[in-house]
């Protein structure tokens, strides 16, 4: 099924692959580290190997190379920090920084009225950036984007004490927790968008694009 035939926000969840990519890497890293008697080399090898596997998977599905490289870079950086520090918990610091940066990016996009949720969803539903010409959609995406700011801040806030206290199995389970939070955020985003749009609005697939007046 193509993305344009999915529920308008379903692609944000990622489906089965999204679940695997969210849950497996932290679980596999910690499980390998503990099972091998705190062997960082094996844990790092498994993490980077999974990163490469997912990158190849994305390329086979013809995903954008920038997304592929970005996801792989996070894994490699996480593995490097863990190996350099000798701490398995340090593997998760890049995820904290990524979530803080994402929260900041979403917040800035709201204030400049270029909400990132619209930037992401527009191409998914086939409208590209035409929603920018619809004040109702800008307002709806703006309000829903605050949920993503909150999601990113929650993820960072959860990770920090787990890392500092070296709670490895809790960190291993964080991927599943965060995937569940993404699902909740997607559903709430849809509710916010629907409630923000006027009753007569045709929906996010049909932006109300105002035509420029013709010059006489």
Protein backbone atom coordinates (compact mmCIF):
# COMPACT_ATOMS: atom_id res chain seq x y z
CA UNK A 1 0.00 0.00 0.00
CA UNK A 2 1.42 3.38 -0.91
CA UNK A 3 1.75 6.11 1.64
CA UNK A 4 -0.80 8.29 -0.10
CA UNK A 5 -3.46 5.60 0.39
CA UNK A 6 -2.75 5.20 4.07
CA UNK A 7 -4.50 7.09 6.82
CA UNK A 8 -3.16 10.66 6.55
CA UNK A 9 -1.01 10.34 9.68
CA UNK A 10 -0.38 6.58 9.62
CA UNK A 11 2.98 6.95 7.89
CA UNK A 12 4.27 8.87 10.94
CA UNK A 13 3.97 5.69 13.01
CA UNK A 14 6.10 3.72 10.58
CA UNK A 15 4.22 0.42 10.65
CA UNK A 16 6.01 -2.86 11.51
CA UNK A 17 9.37 -1.52 10.32
CA UNK A 18 8.98 1.56 12.49
CA UNK A 19 8.34 -0.67 15.49
CA UNK A 20 11.39 -2.81 14.74
CA UNK A 21 13.66 0.20 14.26
CA UNK A 22 12.42 1.79 17.48
CA UNK A 23 12.46 -1.26 19.73
CA UNK A 24 15.23 -3.56 18.49
CA UNK A 25 18.42 -1.40 18.52
CA UNK A 26 18.41 -0.36 22.21
CA UNK A 27 17.21 -3.80 23.26
CA UNK A 28 19.83 -5.61 21.18
CA UNK A 29 22.64 -3.32 22.36
CA UNK A 30 21.90 -3.77 26.08
CA UNK A 31 21.07 -7.47 25.75
CA UNK A 32 24.36 -8.14 23.95
CA UNK A 33 26.32 -6.07 26.47
CA UNK A 34 24.88 -7.98 29.43
CA UNK A 35 24.92 -11.43 27.79
CA UNK A 36 28.60 -11.13 26.85
CA UNK A 37 29.69 -10.09 30.32
CA UNK A 38 29.80 -6.35 29.68
CA UNK A 39 31.70 -6.76 26.41
CA UNK A 40 31.42 -3.35 24.77
CA UNK A 41 32.98 -4.52 21.50
CA UNK A 42 30.26 -7.07 20.87
CA UNK A 43 27.50 -4.66 21.89
CA UNK A 44 28.83 -1.92 19.60
CA UNK A 45 29.22 -4.39 16.73
CA UNK A 46 25.63 -5.53 17.05
CA UNK A 47 24.35 -1.94 17.22
CA UNK A 48 26.30 -0.79 14.17
CA UNK A 49 25.37 -3.98 12.31
CA UNK A 50 21.70 -3.32 12.92
CA UNK A 51 22.16 0.28 11.81
CA UNK A 52 23.69 -0.88 8.54
CA UNK A 53 20.94 -3.46 8.06
CA UNK A 54 18.22 -0.85 8.54
CA UNK A 55 20.05 1.55 6.22
CA UNK A 56 20.13 -1.09 3.47
CA UNK A 57 16.46 -1.82 4.13
CA UNK A 58 15.59 1.84 3.69
CA UNK A 59 17.64 2.10 0.49
CA UNK A 60 15.91 -0.98 -0.97
CA UNK A 61 12.59 0.75 -0.28
CA UNK A 62 14.02 3.83 -2.05
CA UNK A 63 13.82 6.09 0.98
CA UNK A 64 15.61 9.42 0.86
CA UNK A 65 19.38 8.99 1.32
CA UNK A 66 19.46 11.85 3.83
CA UNK A 67 17.10 9.96 6.14
CA UNK A 68 19.14 6.78 5.72
CA UNK A 69 22.41 8.51 6.52
CA UNK A 70 20.86 10.41 9.43
CA UNK A 71 19.54 7.27 11.09
CA UNK A 72 22.85 5.45 10.57
CA UNK A 73 24.82 8.42 11.91
CA UNK A 74 22.86 8.35 15.18
CA UNK A 75 23.67 4.67 15.67
CA UNK A 76 27.36 5.11 14.83
CA UNK A 77 27.67 8.16 17.09
CA UNK A 78 25.91 6.34 19.93
CA UNK A 79 28.22 3.36 19.55
CA UNK A 80 31.29 5.61 19.47
CA UNK A 81 30.31 7.45 22.66
CA UNK A 82 29.57 4.19 24.45
CA UNK A 83 32.89 2.67 23.37
CA UNK A 84 34.86 5.82 24.20
CA UNK A 85 33.32 6.25 27.65
CA UNK A 86 33.14 2.54 28.47
CA UNK A 87 29.56 3.06 29.62
CA UNK A 88 26.70 1.20 27.99
CA UNK A 89 24.25 3.82 29.28
CA UNK A 90 26.17 6.52 27.39
CA UNK A 91 24.93 4.89 24.18
CA UNK A 92 21.67 6.78 24.75
CA UNK A 93 23.06 10.33 25.13
CA UNK A 94 22.76 11.10 21.39
CA UNK A 95 19.07 10.19 21.63
CA UNK A 96 18.65 12.76 24.40
CA UNK A 97 20.34 15.44 22.33
CA UNK A 98 18.34 14.49 19.24
CA UNK A 99 15.06 14.79 21.13
CA UNK A 100 15.99 18.16 22.62
CA UNK A 101 17.01 19.43 19.17
CA UNK A 102 13.79 18.07 17.65
CA UNK A 103 11.67 19.76 20.32
CA UNK A 104 13.45 23.05 19.60
CA UNK A 105 13.00 22.63 15.85
CA UNK A 106 9.26 21.94 16.21
CA UNK A 107 8.83 24.92 18.54
CA UNK A 108 10.67 27.30 16.20
CA UNK A 109 8.65 26.05 13.24
CA UNK A 110 5.45 26.85 15.11
CA UNK A 111 6.50 30.40 15.89
CA UNK A 112 7.50 31.12 12.29
CA UNK A 113 4.25 29.51 11.06
CA UNK A 114 6.02 26.76 9.17
CA UNK A 115 4.93 23.89 11.46
CA UNK A 116 7.11 20.84 10.91
CA UNK A 117 4.13 18.53 11.16
CA UNK A 118 2.75 20.11 8.00
CA UNK A 119 6.14 19.93 6.31
CA UNK A 120 6.24 16.19 7.06
CA UNK A 121 2.60 15.31 6.39
CA UNK A 122 2.13 17.44 3.26
CA UNK A 123 4.31 15.26 0.99
CA UNK A 124 2.89 12.10 2.57
CA UNK A 125 -0.68 12.97 1.62
CA UNK A 126 0.28 14.38 -1.78
CA UNK A 127 -0.34 18.08 -1.14
CA UNK A 128 3.35 18.95 -0.80
CA UNK A 129 3.50 22.54 0.54
CA UNK A 130 0.13 23.73 -0.76
CA UNK A 131 -1.18 23.69 2.81
CA UNK A 132 0.92 26.83 3.31
CA UNK A 133 -1.72 28.75 1.35
CA UNK A 134 -4.51 27.56 3.66
CA UNK A 135 -4.68 29.56 6.96
CA UNK A 136 -6.91 26.90 8.53
CA UNK A 137 -4.39 24.14 7.85
CA UNK A 138 -1.50 26.27 9.10
CA UNK A 139 -3.40 26.83 12.34
CA UNK A 140 -4.25 23.12 12.66
CA UNK A 141 -0.70 21.96 12.01
CA UNK A 142 0.61 24.60 14.41
CA UNK A 143 -1.56 23.36 17.26
CA UNK A 144 -0.84 19.69 16.59
CA UNK A 145 2.89 20.35 16.38
CA UNK A 146 2.91 21.29 20.07
CA UNK A 147 2.17 17.64 20.81
CA UNK A 148 5.42 16.71 19.07
CA UNK A 149 7.33 19.26 21.10
CA UNK A 150 5.91 17.62 24.21
CA UNK A 151 6.72 14.11 22.94
CA UNK A 152 10.38 14.99 22.32
CA UNK A 153 10.74 16.64 25.73
CA UNK A 154 9.13 13.66 27.48
CA UNK A 155 11.50 11.24 25.75
CA UNK A 156 14.52 13.31 26.76
CA UNK A 157 13.23 13.66 30.33
CA UNK A 158 12.73 9.90 30.62
CA UNK A 159 16.16 9.03 29.22
CA UNK A 160 18.28 11.38 31.34
CA UNK A 161 17.65 9.79 34.79
CA UNK A 162 17.86 6.29 33.30
CA UNK A 163 21.29 7.10 31.87
CA UNK A 164 22.56 8.81 34.99
CA UNK A 165 21.46 5.90 37.19
CA UNK A 166 22.78 3.30 34.72
CA UNK A 167 19.43 1.50 34.55
CA UNK A 168 20.33 -0.58 31.53
CA UNK A 169 17.23 -2.73 31.17
CA UNK A 170 14.98 0.29 31.53
CA UNK A 171 16.98 1.90 28.73
CA UNK A 172 16.58 -1.28 26.71
CA UNK A 173 12.80 -1.04 27.13
CA UNK A 174 12.72 2.66 26.26
CA UNK A 175 12.37 1.96 22.54
CA UNK A 176 9.05 0.15 23.06
CA UNK A 177 7.79 2.88 25.39
CA UNK A 178 8.70 5.63 22.96
CA UNK A 179 7.11 3.82 20.03
CA UNK A 180 3.87 3.61 22.03
CA UNK A 181 4.13 7.34 22.78
CA UNK A 182 4.55 8.07 19.07
CA UNK A 183 1.32 6.18 18.35
CA UNK A 184 -0.51 8.18 21.02
CA UNK A 185 0.92 11.43 19.68
CA UNK A 186 -0.12 10.60 16.12
CA UNK A 187 -3.68 9.82 17.23
CA UNK A 188 -3.90 12.99 19.32
CA UNK A 189 -2.47 15.02 16.43
CA UNK A 190 -5.24 13.78 14.20
CA UNK A 191 -7.85 14.73 16.84
CA UNK A 192 -6.36 18.23 17.24
CA UNK A 193 -6.26 18.79 13.48
CA UNK A 194 -9.84 17.62 13.00
CA UNK A 195 -11.12 19.81 15.83
CA UNK A 196 -9.16 22.85 14.69
CA UNK A 197 -10.34 22.76 11.07
CA UNK A 198 -13.74 24.38 10.38
CA UNK A 199 -16.65 21.95 9.91
CA UNK A 200 -16.86 22.70 6.19
CA UNK A 201 -13.14 22.21 5.53
CA UNK A 202 -12.43 19.39 3.02
CA UNK A 203 -9.51 18.04 5.09
CA UNK A 204 -5.73 17.90 4.95
CA UNK A 205 -5.73 16.24 1.54
CA UNK A 206 -7.55 19.23 0.05
CA UNK A 207 -6.01 22.56 1.09
CA UNK A 208 -8.07 25.64 0.36
CA UNK A 209 -5.65 27.35 -1.98
CA UNK A 210 -6.66 30.92 -2.64
CA UNK A 211 -6.20 32.03 -6.21
CA UNK A 212 -4.24 35.18 -6.90
CA UNK A 213 -6.38 37.92 -8.46
CA UNK A 214 -5.77 38.27 -12.16
CA UNK A 215 -4.27 41.55 -13.33
CA UNK A 216 -6.42 43.57 -15.71
